[in-house]
PDB file of all heavy atoms in Angstrom:
ATOM      1  N   VAL A   1      -7.899 -13.426 -22.513  1.00  0.00           N
ATOM      2  CA  VAL A   1      -7.297 -12.091 -22.416  1.00  0.00           C
ATOM      3  C   VAL A   1      -7.751 -11.420 -21.121  1.00  0.00           C
ATOM      4  O   VAL A   1      -6.964 -10.752 -20.437  1.00  0.00           O
ATOM      5  CB  VAL A   1      -7.674 -11.237 -23.645  1.00  0.00           C
ATOM      6  CG1 VAL A   1      -7.185  -9.792 -23.471  1.00  0.00           C
ATOM      7  CG2 VAL A   1      -7.076 -11.844 -24.903  1.00  0.00           C
ATOM      8  N   GLY A   2      -9.048 -11.597 -20.771  1.00  0.00           N
ATOM      9  CA  GLY A   2      -9.535 -11.023 -19.523  1.00  0.00           C
ATOM     10  C   GLY A   2      -8.769 -11.544 -18.318  1.00  0.00           C
ATOM     11  O   GLY A   2      -8.413 -10.786 -17.412  1.00  0.00           O
ATOM     12  N   ASP A   3      -8.475 -12.858 -18.304  1.00  0.00           N
ATOM     13  CA  ASP A   3      -7.689 -13.416 -17.195  1.00  0.00           C
ATOM     14  C   ASP A   3      -6.292 -12.805 -17.158  1.00  0.00           C
ATOM     15  O   ASP A   3      -5.747 -12.512 -16.090  1.00  0.00           O
ATOM     16  CB  ASP A   3      -7.583 -14.935 -17.351  1.00  0.00           C
ATOM     17  CG  ASP A   3      -8.910 -15.634 -17.102  1.00  0.00           C
ATOM     18  OD1 ASP A   3      -9.822 -14.979 -16.572  1.00  0.00           O
ATOM     19  OD2 ASP A   3      -9.022 -16.816 -17.434  1.00  0.00           O
ATOM     20  N   GLU A   4      -5.676 -12.598 -18.323  1.00  0.00           N
ATOM     21  CA  GLU A   4      -4.336 -12.005 -18.368  1.00  0.00           C
ATOM     22  C   GLU A   4      -4.362 -10.570 -17.856  1.00  0.00           C
ATOM     23  O   GLU A   4      -3.430 -10.119 -17.163  1.00  0.00           O
ATOM     24  CB  GLU A   4      -3.809 -12.059 -19.809  1.00  0.00           C
ATOM     25  CG  GLU A   4      -2.381 -11.570 -19.974  1.00  0.00           C
ATOM     26  CD  GLU A   4      -1.373 -12.436 -19.251  1.00  0.00           C
ATOM     27  OE1 GLU A   4      -1.702 -13.591 -18.953  1.00  0.00           O
ATOM     28  OE2 GLU A   4      -0.268 -11.954 -18.956  1.00  0.00           O
ATOM     29  N   VAL A   5      -5.426  -9.838 -18.200  1.00  0.00           N
ATOM     30  CA  VAL A   5      -5.569  -8.457 -17.710  1.00  0.00           C
ATOM     31  C   VAL A   5      -5.614  -8.438 -16.182  1.00  0.00           C
ATOM     32  O   VAL A   5      -4.955  -7.622 -15.531  1.00  0.00           O
ATOM     33  CB  VAL A   5      -6.835  -7.818 -18.316  1.00  0.00           C
ATOM     34  CG1 VAL A   5      -7.162  -6.507 -17.603  1.00  0.00           C
ATOM     35  CG2 VAL A   5      -6.653  -7.568 -19.807  1.00  0.00           C
ATOM     36  N   LEU A   6      -6.408  -9.362 -15.586  1.00  0.00           N
ATOM     37  CA  LEU A   6      -6.499  -9.411 -14.130  1.00  0.00           C
ATOM     38  C   LEU A   6      -5.133  -9.709 -13.505  1.00  0.00           C
ATOM     39  O   LEU A   6      -4.724  -9.078 -12.522  1.00  0.00           O
ATOM     40  CB  LEU A   6      -7.512 -10.489 -13.715  1.00  0.00           C
ATOM     41  CG  LEU A   6      -8.982 -10.190 -14.015  1.00  0.00           C
ATOM     42  CD1 LEU A   6      -9.841 -11.399 -13.673  1.00  0.00           C
ATOM     43  CD2 LEU A   6      -9.463  -8.979 -13.225  1.00  0.00           C
ATOM     44  N   LYS A   7      -4.407 -10.680 -14.090  1.00  0.00           N
ATOM     45  CA  LYS A   7      -3.108 -11.038 -13.528  1.00  0.00           C
ATOM     46  C   LYS A   7      -2.102  -9.885 -13.656  1.00  0.00           C
ATOM     47  O   LYS A   7      -1.316  -9.632 -12.735  1.00  0.00           O
ATOM     48  CB  LYS A   7      -2.585 -12.307 -14.211  1.00  0.00           C
ATOM     49  CG  LYS A   7      -3.382 -13.555 -13.834  1.00  0.00           C
ATOM     50  CD  LYS A   7      -2.715 -14.830 -14.309  1.00  0.00           C
ATOM     51  CE  LYS A   7      -2.931 -15.051 -15.773  1.00  0.00           C
ATOM     52  NZ  LYS A   7      -2.451 -16.382 -16.225  1.00  0.00           N
ATOM     53  N   ARG A   8      -2.119  -9.187 -14.802  1.00  0.00           N
ATOM     54  CA  ARG A   8      -1.197  -8.054 -14.957  1.00  0.00           C
ATOM     55  C   ARG A   8      -1.519  -6.938 -13.960  1.00  0.00           C
ATOM     56  O   ARG A   8      -0.630  -6.307 -13.388  1.00  0.00           O
ATOM     57  CB  ARG A   8      -1.264  -7.516 -16.392  1.00  0.00           C
ATOM     58  CG  ARG A   8      -0.656  -8.451 -17.447  1.00  0.00           C
ATOM     59  CD  ARG A   8       0.855  -8.659 -17.233  1.00  0.00           C
ATOM     60  NE  ARG A   8       1.610  -7.438 -17.457  1.00  0.00           N
ATOM     61  CZ  ARG A   8       2.074  -7.049 -18.626  1.00  0.00           C
ATOM     62  NH1 ARG A   8       1.872  -7.799 -19.684  1.00  0.00           N
ATOM     63  NH2 ARG A   8       2.749  -5.920 -18.753  1.00  0.00           N
ATOM     64  N   ALA A   9      -2.816  -6.678 -13.753  1.00  0.00           N
ATOM     65  CA  ALA A   9      -3.209  -5.644 -12.794  1.00  0.00           C
ATOM     66  C   ALA A   9      -2.745  -5.999 -11.386  1.00  0.00           C
ATOM     67  O   ALA A   9      -2.254  -5.156 -10.637  1.00  0.00           O
ATOM     68  CB  ALA A   9      -4.722  -5.449 -12.836  1.00  0.00           C
ATOM     69  N   VAL A  10      -2.886  -7.281 -11.016  1.00  0.00           N
ATOM     70  CA  VAL A  10      -2.441  -7.715  -9.689  1.00  0.00           C
ATOM     71  C   VAL A  10      -0.927  -7.584  -9.564  1.00  0.00           C
ATOM     72  O   VAL A  10      -0.403  -7.152  -8.530  1.00  0.00           O
ATOM     73  CB  VAL A  10      -2.897  -9.169  -9.446  1.00  0.00           C
ATOM     74  CG1 VAL A  10      -2.198  -9.746  -8.222  1.00  0.00           C
ATOM     75  CG2 VAL A  10      -4.406  -9.221  -9.267  1.00  0.00           C
ATOM     76  N   ASP A  11      -0.183  -7.935 -10.633  1.00  0.00           N
ATOM     77  CA  ASP A  11       1.278  -7.797 -10.595  1.00  0.00           C
ATOM     78  C   ASP A  11       1.687  -6.340 -10.389  1.00  0.00           C
ATOM     79  O   ASP A  11       2.623  -6.030  -9.632  1.00  0.00           O
ATOM     80  CB  ASP A  11       1.889  -8.326 -11.899  1.00  0.00           C
ATOM     81  CG  ASP A  11       1.806  -9.833 -11.993  1.00  0.00           C
ATOM     82  OD1 ASP A  11       1.624 -10.464 -10.937  1.00  0.00           O
ATOM     83  OD2 ASP A  11       1.924 -10.368 -13.108  1.00  0.00           O
ATOM     84  N   VAL A  12       0.995  -5.424 -11.088  1.00  0.00           N
ATOM     85  CA  VAL A  12       1.294  -3.999 -10.936  1.00  0.00           C
ATOM     86  C   VAL A  12       1.080  -3.559  -9.484  1.00  0.00           C
ATOM     87  O   VAL A  12       1.909  -2.850  -8.903  1.00  0.00           O
ATOM     88  CB  VAL A  12       0.417  -3.171 -11.902  1.00  0.00           C
ATOM     89  CG1 VAL A  12       0.512  -1.684 -11.567  1.00  0.00           C
ATOM     90  CG2 VAL A  12       0.850  -3.400 -13.343  1.00  0.00           C
ATOM     91  N   CYS A  13      -0.041  -3.993  -8.909  1.00  0.00           N
ATOM     92  CA  CYS A  13      -0.340  -3.604  -7.530  1.00  0.00           C
ATOM     93  C   CYS A  13       0.677  -4.191  -6.557  1.00  0.00           C
ATOM     94  O   CYS A  13       1.089  -3.533  -5.600  1.00  0.00           O
ATOM     95  CB  CYS A  13      -1.755  -4.062  -7.165  1.00  0.00           C
ATOM     96  SG  CYS A  13      -3.051  -3.175  -8.068  1.00  0.00           S
ATOM     97  N   HIS A  14       1.051  -5.461  -6.785  1.00  0.00           N
ATOM     98  CA  HIS A  14       1.999  -6.108  -5.877  1.00  0.00           C
ATOM     99  C   HIS A  14       3.290  -5.296  -5.734  1.00  0.00           C
ATOM    100  O   HIS A  14       3.857  -5.197  -4.645  1.00  0.00           O
ATOM    101  CB  HIS A  14       2.325  -7.508  -6.393  1.00  0.00           C
ATOM    102  CG  HIS A  14       1.587  -8.584  -5.670  1.00  0.00           C
ATOM    103  ND1 HIS A  14       1.543  -8.685  -4.299  1.00  0.00           N
ATOM    104  CD2 HIS A  14       0.842  -9.626  -6.136  1.00  0.00           C
ATOM    105  CE1 HIS A  14       0.836  -9.705  -3.938  1.00  0.00           C
ATOM    106  NE2 HIS A  14       0.376 -10.308  -5.034  1.00  0.00           N
ATOM    107  N   ARG A  15       3.735  -4.727  -6.827  1.00  0.00           N
ATOM    108  CA  ARG A  15       4.997  -3.993  -6.782  1.00  0.00           C
ATOM    109  C   ARG A  15       4.906  -2.727  -5.925  1.00  0.00           C
ATOM    110  O   ARG A  15       5.937  -2.208  -5.476  1.00  0.00           O
ATOM    111  CB  ARG A  15       5.434  -3.635  -8.209  1.00  0.00           C
ATOM    112  CG  ARG A  15       5.879  -4.850  -9.021  1.00  0.00           C
ATOM    113  CD  ARG A  15       6.634  -4.429 -10.285  1.00  0.00           C
ATOM    114  NE  ARG A  15       5.757  -3.816 -11.251  1.00  0.00           N
ATOM    115  CZ  ARG A  15       5.123  -4.477 -12.211  1.00  0.00           C
ATOM    116  NH1 ARG A  15       5.268  -5.803 -12.302  1.00  0.00           N
ATOM    117  NH2 ARG A  15       4.346  -3.851 -13.083  1.00  0.00           N
ATOM    118  N   ALA A  16       3.696  -2.225  -5.735  1.00  0.00           N
ATOM    119  CA  ALA A  16       3.525  -0.984  -4.978  1.00  0.00           C
ATOM    120  C   ALA A  16       3.084  -1.226  -3.530  1.00  0.00           C
ATOM    121  O   ALA A  16       2.970  -0.277  -2.761  1.00  0.00           O
ATOM    122  CB  ALA A  16       2.502  -0.089  -5.683  1.00  0.00           C
ATOM    123  N   LEU A  17       2.814  -2.467  -3.159  1.00  0.00           N
ATOM    124  CA  LEU A  17       2.296  -2.747  -1.824  1.00  0.00           C
ATOM    125  C   LEU A  17       3.420  -3.074  -0.850  1.00  0.00           C
ATOM    126  O   LEU A  17       4.524  -3.485  -1.238  1.00  0.00           O
ATOM    127  CB  LEU A  17       1.311  -3.914  -1.888  1.00  0.00           C
ATOM    128  CG  LEU A  17       0.034  -3.660  -2.689  1.00  0.00           C
ATOM    129  CD1 LEU A  17      -0.858  -4.888  -2.676  1.00  0.00           C
ATOM    130  CD2 LEU A  17      -0.715  -2.446  -2.137  1.00  0.00           C
ATOM    131  N   HIS A  18       3.119  -2.926   0.449  1.00  0.00           N
ATOM    132  CA  HIS A  18       4.052  -3.258   1.511  1.00  0.00           C
ATOM    133  C   HIS A  18       3.805  -4.684   1.977  1.00  0.00           C
ATOM    134  O   HIS A  18       2.746  -5.251   1.741  1.00  0.00           O
ATOM    135  CB  HIS A  18       3.888  -2.298   2.698  1.00  0.00           C
ATOM    136  CG  HIS A  18       4.125  -0.868   2.313  1.00  0.00           C
ATOM    137  ND1 HIS A  18       3.655   0.192   3.071  1.00  0.00           N
ATOM    138  CD2 HIS A  18       4.762  -0.313   1.236  1.00  0.00           C
ATOM    139  CE1 HIS A  18       4.005   1.341   2.482  1.00  0.00           C
ATOM    140  NE2 HIS A  18       4.672   1.054   1.375  1.00  0.00           N
ATOM    141  N   ALA A  19       4.769  -5.227   2.685  1.00  0.00           N
ATOM    142  CA  ALA A  19       4.661  -6.618   3.127  1.00  0.00           C
ATOM    143  C   ALA A  19       3.505  -6.814   4.094  1.00  0.00           C
ATOM    144  O   ALA A  19       2.912  -7.894   4.157  1.00  0.00           O
ATOM    145  CB  ALA A  19       5.974  -7.051   3.781  1.00  0.00           C
ATOM    146  N   CYS A  20       3.152  -5.762   4.862  1.00  0.00           N
ATOM    147  CA  CYS A  20       2.087  -5.913   5.849  1.00  0.00           C
ATOM    148  C   CYS A  20       0.696  -5.651   5.273  1.00  0.00           C
ATOM    149  O   CYS A  20      -0.308  -5.847   5.963  1.00  0.00           O
ATOM    150  CB  CYS A  20       2.342  -4.997   7.039  1.00  0.00           C
ATOM    151  SG  CYS A  20       2.397  -3.235   6.583  1.00  0.00           S
ATOM    152  N   ASP A  21       0.598  -5.181   4.051  1.00  0.00           N
ATOM    153  CA  ASP A  21      -0.702  -4.906   3.442  1.00  0.00           C
ATOM    154  C   ASP A  21      -1.420  -6.213   3.118  1.00  0.00           C
ATOM    155  O   ASP A  21      -0.797  -7.207   2.745  1.00  0.00           O
ATOM    156  CB  ASP A  21      -0.545  -4.093   2.151  1.00  0.00           C
ATOM    157  CG  ASP A  21       0.073  -2.718   2.414  1.00  0.00           C
ATOM    158  OD1 ASP A  21      -0.023  -2.256   3.566  1.00  0.00           O
ATOM    159  OD2 ASP A  21       0.629  -2.138   1.471  1.00  0.00           O
ATOM    160  N   VAL A  22      -2.755  -6.216   3.275  1.00  0.00           N
ATOM    161  CA  VAL A  22      -3.585  -7.388   2.974  1.00  0.00           C
ATOM    162  C   VAL A  22      -4.277  -7.147   1.635  1.00  0.00           C
ATOM    163  O   VAL A  22      -5.077  -6.221   1.507  1.00  0.00           O
ATOM    164  CB  VAL A  22      -4.620  -7.645   4.081  1.00  0.00           C
ATOM    165  CG1 VAL A  22      -5.403  -8.922   3.772  1.00  0.00           C
ATOM    166  CG2 VAL A  22      -3.929  -7.769   5.430  1.00  0.00           C
ATOM    167  N   PHE A  23      -3.973  -7.945   0.669  1.00  0.00           N
ATOM    168  CA  PHE A  23      -4.453  -7.766  -0.716  1.00  0.00           C
ATOM    169  C   PHE A  23      -5.306  -8.967  -1.104  1.00  0.00           C
ATOM    170  O   PHE A  23      -4.857 -10.104  -0.998  1.00  0.00           O
ATOM    171  CB  PHE A  23      -3.241  -7.654  -1.649  1.00  0.00           C
ATOM    172  CG  PHE A  23      -3.576  -7.276  -3.071  1.00  0.00           C
ATOM    173  CD1 PHE A  23      -4.807  -6.722  -3.412  1.00  0.00           C
ATOM    174  CD2 PHE A  23      -2.655  -7.491  -4.090  1.00  0.00           C
ATOM    175  CE1 PHE A  23      -5.107  -6.380  -4.716  1.00  0.00           C
ATOM    176  CE2 PHE A  23      -2.938  -7.148  -5.409  1.00  0.00           C
ATOM    177  CZ  PHE A  23      -4.165  -6.599  -5.725  1.00  0.00           C
ATOM    178  N   GLY A  24      -6.554  -8.758  -1.538  1.00  0.00           N
ATOM    179  CA  GLY A  24      -7.433  -9.876  -1.883  1.00  0.00           C
ATOM    180  C   GLY A  24      -8.353  -9.547  -3.041  1.00  0.00           C
ATOM    181  O   GLY A  24      -8.621  -8.387  -3.346  1.00  0.00           O
ATOM    182  N   ARG A  25      -8.794 -10.603  -3.666  1.00  0.00           N
ATOM    183  CA  ARG A  25      -9.788 -10.508  -4.758  1.00  0.00           C
ATOM    184  C   ARG A  25     -11.156 -10.874  -4.198  1.00  0.00           C
ATOM    185  O   ARG A  25     -11.364 -11.980  -3.724  1.00  0.00           O
ATOM    186  CB  ARG A  25      -9.414 -11.461  -5.902  1.00  0.00           C
ATOM    187  CG  ARG A  25     -10.370 -11.389  -7.100  1.00  0.00           C
ATOM    188  CD  ARG A  25      -9.971 -12.407  -8.167  1.00  0.00           C
ATOM    189  NE  ARG A  25     -10.877 -12.376  -9.301  1.00  0.00           N
ATOM    190  CZ  ARG A  25     -10.886 -13.279 -10.277  1.00  0.00           C
ATOM    191  NH1 ARG A  25     -10.041 -14.308 -10.240  1.00  0.00           N
ATOM    192  NH2 ARG A  25     -11.728 -13.187 -11.278  1.00  0.00           N
ATOM    193  N   LEU A  26     -12.105  -9.912  -4.257  1.00  0.00           N
ATOM    194  CA  LEU A  26     -13.431 -10.148  -3.701  1.00  0.00           C
ATOM    195  C   LEU A  26     -14.340 -10.882  -4.671  1.00  0.00           C
ATOM    196  O   LEU A  26     -15.325 -11.490  -4.270  1.00  0.00           O
ATOM    197  CB  LEU A  26     -14.080  -8.817  -3.290  1.00  0.00           C
ATOM    198  CG  LEU A  26     -13.308  -8.004  -2.244  1.00  0.00           C
ATOM    199  CD1 LEU A  26     -14.090  -6.785  -1.839  1.00  0.00           C
ATOM    200  CD2 LEU A  26     -12.988  -8.863  -1.025  1.00  0.00           C
ATOM    201  N   GLY A  27     -14.024 -10.824  -5.947  1.00  0.00           N
ATOM    202  CA  GLY A  27     -14.851 -11.499  -6.944  1.00  0.00           C
ATOM    203  C   GLY A  27     -14.789 -10.742  -8.263  1.00  0.00           C
ATOM    204  O   GLY A  27     -14.751  -9.511  -8.295  1.00  0.00           O
ATOM    205  N   GLY A  28     -14.763 -11.499  -9.370  1.00  0.00           N
ATOM    206  CA  GLY A  28     -14.728 -10.853 -10.669  1.00  0.00           C
ATOM    207  C   GLY A  28     -13.505  -9.965 -10.799  1.00  0.00           C
ATOM    208  O   GLY A  28     -12.364 -10.373 -10.582  1.00  0.00           O
ATOM    209  N   GLU A  29     -13.723  -8.690 -11.154  1.00  0.00           N
ATOM    210  CA  GLU A  29     -12.620  -7.749 -11.305  1.00  0.00           C
ATOM    211  C   GLU A  29     -12.516  -6.801 -10.108  1.00  0.00           C
ATOM    212  O   GLU A  29     -11.929  -5.737 -10.213  1.00  0.00           O
ATOM    213  CB  GLU A  29     -12.812  -6.938 -12.593  1.00  0.00           C
ATOM    214  CG  GLU A  29     -13.990  -5.947 -12.584  1.00  0.00           C
ATOM    215  CD  GLU A  29     -15.307  -6.586 -12.988  1.00  0.00           C
ATOM    216  OE1 GLU A  29     -15.443  -7.820 -12.890  1.00  0.00           O
ATOM    217  OE2 GLU A  29     -16.212  -5.860 -13.397  1.00  0.00           O
ATOM    218  N   GLU A  30     -13.092  -7.169  -8.967  1.00  0.00           N
ATOM    219  CA  GLU A  30     -13.122  -6.303  -7.790  1.00  0.00           C
ATOM    220  C   GLU A  30     -12.069  -6.762  -6.783  1.00  0.00           C
ATOM    221  O   GLU A  30     -12.002  -7.949  -6.440  1.00  0.00           O
ATOM    222  CB  GLU A  30     -14.506  -6.327  -7.147  1.00  0.00           C
ATOM    223  CG  GLU A  30     -14.658  -5.303  -6.032  1.00  0.00           C
ATOM    224  CD  GLU A  30     -16.069  -5.277  -5.487  1.00  0.00           C
ATOM    225  OE1 GLU A  30     -16.780  -6.264  -5.632  1.00  0.00           O
ATOM    226  OE2 GLU A  30     -16.439  -4.231  -4.903  1.00  0.00           O
ATOM    227  N   PHE A  31     -11.249  -5.805  -6.268  1.00  0.00           N
ATOM    228  CA  PHE A  31     -10.146  -6.115  -5.371  1.00  0.00           C
ATOM    229  C   PHE A  31     -10.212  -5.185  -4.149  1.00  0.00           C
ATOM    230  O   PHE A  31     -10.786  -4.092  -4.207  1.00  0.00           O
ATOM    231  CB  PHE A  31      -8.792  -5.929  -6.066  1.00  0.00           C
ATOM    232  CG  PHE A  31      -8.616  -6.804  -7.272  1.00  0.00           C
ATOM    233  CD1 PHE A  31      -9.061  -6.396  -8.534  1.00  0.00           C
ATOM    234  CD2 PHE A  31      -8.034  -8.061  -7.154  1.00  0.00           C
ATOM    235  CE1 PHE A  31      -8.898  -7.206  -9.636  1.00  0.00           C
ATOM    236  CE2 PHE A  31      -7.869  -8.875  -8.248  1.00  0.00           C
ATOM    237  CZ  PHE A  31      -8.304  -8.452  -9.502  1.00  0.00           C
ATOM    238  N   ALA A  32      -9.594  -5.637  -3.068  1.00  0.00           N
ATOM    239  CA  ALA A  32      -9.539  -4.826  -1.845  1.00  0.00           C
ATOM    240  C   ALA A  32      -8.128  -4.898  -1.266  1.00  0.00           C
ATOM    241  O   ALA A  32      -7.463  -5.932  -1.352  1.00  0.00           O
ATOM    242  CB  ALA A  32     -10.562  -5.322  -0.830  1.00  0.00           C
ATOM    243  N   ILE A  33      -7.692  -3.773  -0.682  1.00  0.00           N
ATOM    244  CA  ILE A  33      -6.372  -3.698  -0.038  1.00  0.00           C
ATOM    245  C   ILE A  33      -6.566  -3.034   1.325  1.00  0.00           C
ATOM    246  O   ILE A  33      -7.101  -1.919   1.418  1.00  0.00           O
ATOM    247  CB  ILE A  33      -5.372  -2.880  -0.880  1.00  0.00           C
ATOM    248  CG1 ILE A  33      -5.268  -3.421  -2.303  1.00  0.00           C
ATOM    249  CG2 ILE A  33      -4.012  -2.877  -0.210  1.00  0.00           C
ATOM    250  CD1 ILE A  33      -4.483  -2.526  -3.230  1.00  0.00           C
ATOM    251  N   LEU A  34      -6.157  -3.714   2.385  1.00  0.00           N
ATOM    252  CA  LEU A  34      -6.213  -3.151   3.738  1.00  0.00           C
ATOM    253  C   LEU A  34      -4.811  -2.667   4.100  1.00  0.00           C
ATOM    254  O   LEU A  34      -3.850  -3.444   4.045  1.00  0.00           O
ATOM    255  CB  LEU A  34      -6.698  -4.208   4.731  1.00  0.00           C
ATOM    256  CG  LEU A  34      -6.922  -3.697   6.151  1.00  0.00           C
ATOM    257  CD1 LEU A  34      -8.061  -2.675   6.178  1.00  0.00           C
ATOM    258  CD2 LEU A  34      -7.218  -4.851   7.103  1.00  0.00           C
ATOM    259  N   LEU A  35      -4.711  -1.374   4.467  1.00  0.00           N
ATOM    260  CA  LEU A  35      -3.416  -0.737   4.728  1.00  0.00           C
ATOM    261  C   LEU A  35      -3.283  -0.474   6.229  1.00  0.00           C
ATOM    262  O   LEU A  35      -3.927   0.427   6.771  1.00  0.00           O
ATOM    263  CB  LEU A  35      -3.306   0.588   3.960  1.00  0.00           C
ATOM    264  CG  LEU A  35      -3.605   0.526   2.444  1.00  0.00           C
ATOM    265  CD1 LEU A  35      -3.562   1.923   1.853  1.00  0.00           C
ATOM    266  CD2 LEU A  35      -2.611  -0.392   1.753  1.00  0.00           C
ATOM    267  N   PRO A  36      -2.484  -1.241   6.951  1.00  0.00           N
ATOM    268  CA  PRO A  36      -2.293  -1.010   8.386  1.00  0.00           C
ATOM    269  C   PRO A  36      -1.488   0.267   8.626  1.00  0.00           C
ATOM    270  O   PRO A  36      -0.635   0.654   7.814  1.00  0.00           O
ATOM    271  CB  PRO A  36      -1.530  -2.256   8.848  1.00  0.00           C
ATOM    272  CG  PRO A  36      -1.668  -3.253   7.733  1.00  0.00           C
ATOM    273  CD  PRO A  36      -1.810  -2.447   6.494  1.00  0.00           C
ATOM    274  N   ASP A  37      -1.764   0.900   9.764  1.00  0.00           N
ATOM    275  CA  ASP A  37      -0.986   2.057  10.216  1.00  0.00           C
ATOM    276  C   ASP A  37      -0.893   3.104   9.100  1.00  0.00           C
ATOM    277  O   ASP A  37       0.188   3.550   8.737  1.00  0.00           O
ATOM    278  CB  ASP A  37       0.408   1.603  10.671  1.00  0.00           C
ATOM    279  CG  ASP A  37       1.044   2.636  11.599  1.00  0.00           C
ATOM    280  OD1 ASP A  37       0.321   3.558  12.059  1.00  0.00           O
ATOM    281  OD2 ASP A  37       2.248   2.520  11.856  1.00  0.00           O
ATOM    282  N   CYS A  38      -2.062   3.498   8.602  1.00  0.00           N
ATOM    283  CA  CYS A  38      -2.090   4.381   7.424  1.00  0.00           C
ATOM    284  C   CYS A  38      -3.157   5.455   7.627  1.00  0.00           C
ATOM    285  O   CYS A  38      -4.282   5.166   8.046  1.00  0.00           O
ATOM    286  CB  CYS A  38      -2.392   3.551   6.166  1.00  0.00           C
ATOM    287  SG  CYS A  38      -2.414   4.507   4.642  1.00  0.00           S
ATOM    288  N   SER A  39      -2.816   6.707   7.304  1.00  0.00           N
ATOM    289  CA  SER A  39      -3.773   7.803   7.408  1.00  0.00           C
ATOM    290  C   SER A  39      -4.579   7.917   6.122  1.00  0.00           C
ATOM    291  O   SER A  39      -4.172   7.400   5.077  1.00  0.00           O
ATOM    292  CB  SER A  39      -3.030   9.118   7.669  1.00  0.00           C
ATOM    293  OG  SER A  39      -2.295   9.483   6.505  1.00  0.00           O
ATOM    294  N   PRO A  40      -5.732   8.629   6.164  1.00  0.00           N
ATOM    295  CA  PRO A  40      -6.504   8.804   4.933  1.00  0.00           C
ATOM    296  C   PRO A  40      -5.708   9.478   3.829  1.00  0.00           C
ATOM    297  O   PRO A  40      -5.831   9.099   2.660  1.00  0.00           O
ATOM    298  CB  PRO A  40      -7.691   9.658   5.391  1.00  0.00           C
ATOM    299  CG  PRO A  40      -7.857   9.319   6.834  1.00  0.00           C
ATOM    300  CD  PRO A  40      -6.479   9.095   7.357  1.00  0.00           C
ATOM    301  N   ALA A  41      -4.888  10.469   4.161  1.00  0.00           N
ATOM    302  CA  ALA A  41      -4.111  11.147   3.114  1.00  0.00           C
ATOM    303  C   ALA A  41      -3.113  10.183   2.477  1.00  0.00           C
ATOM    304  O   ALA A  41      -2.926  10.171   1.255  1.00  0.00           O
ATOM    305  CB  ALA A  41      -3.378  12.341   3.721  1.00  0.00           C
ATOM    306  N   GLN A  42      -2.469   9.376   3.324  1.00  0.00           N
ATOM    307  CA  GLN A  42      -1.524   8.400   2.768  1.00  0.00           C
ATOM    308  C   GLN A  42      -2.252   7.366   1.904  1.00  0.00           C
ATOM    309  O   GLN A  42      -1.752   6.971   0.854  1.00  0.00           O
ATOM    310  CB  GLN A  42      -0.784   7.696   3.911  1.00  0.00           C
ATOM    311  CG  GLN A  42       0.171   8.605   4.676  1.00  0.00           C
ATOM    312  CD  GLN A  42       0.711   7.919   5.924  1.00  0.00           C
ATOM    313  OE1 GLN A  42       0.004   7.150   6.564  1.00  0.00           O
ATOM    314  NE2 GLN A  42       1.962   8.240   6.273  1.00  0.00           N
TER     315      GLN A  42
END
């Protein structure tokens, strides 16, 4: 179930990300997204 939760969370994020965004899993349940050409407010 934990693995399914991780996959569903990633699917949710994928739908909201742009093609140029860098999305990775750092380990366990921790993820990082690098947003190019993006302000702090955005």
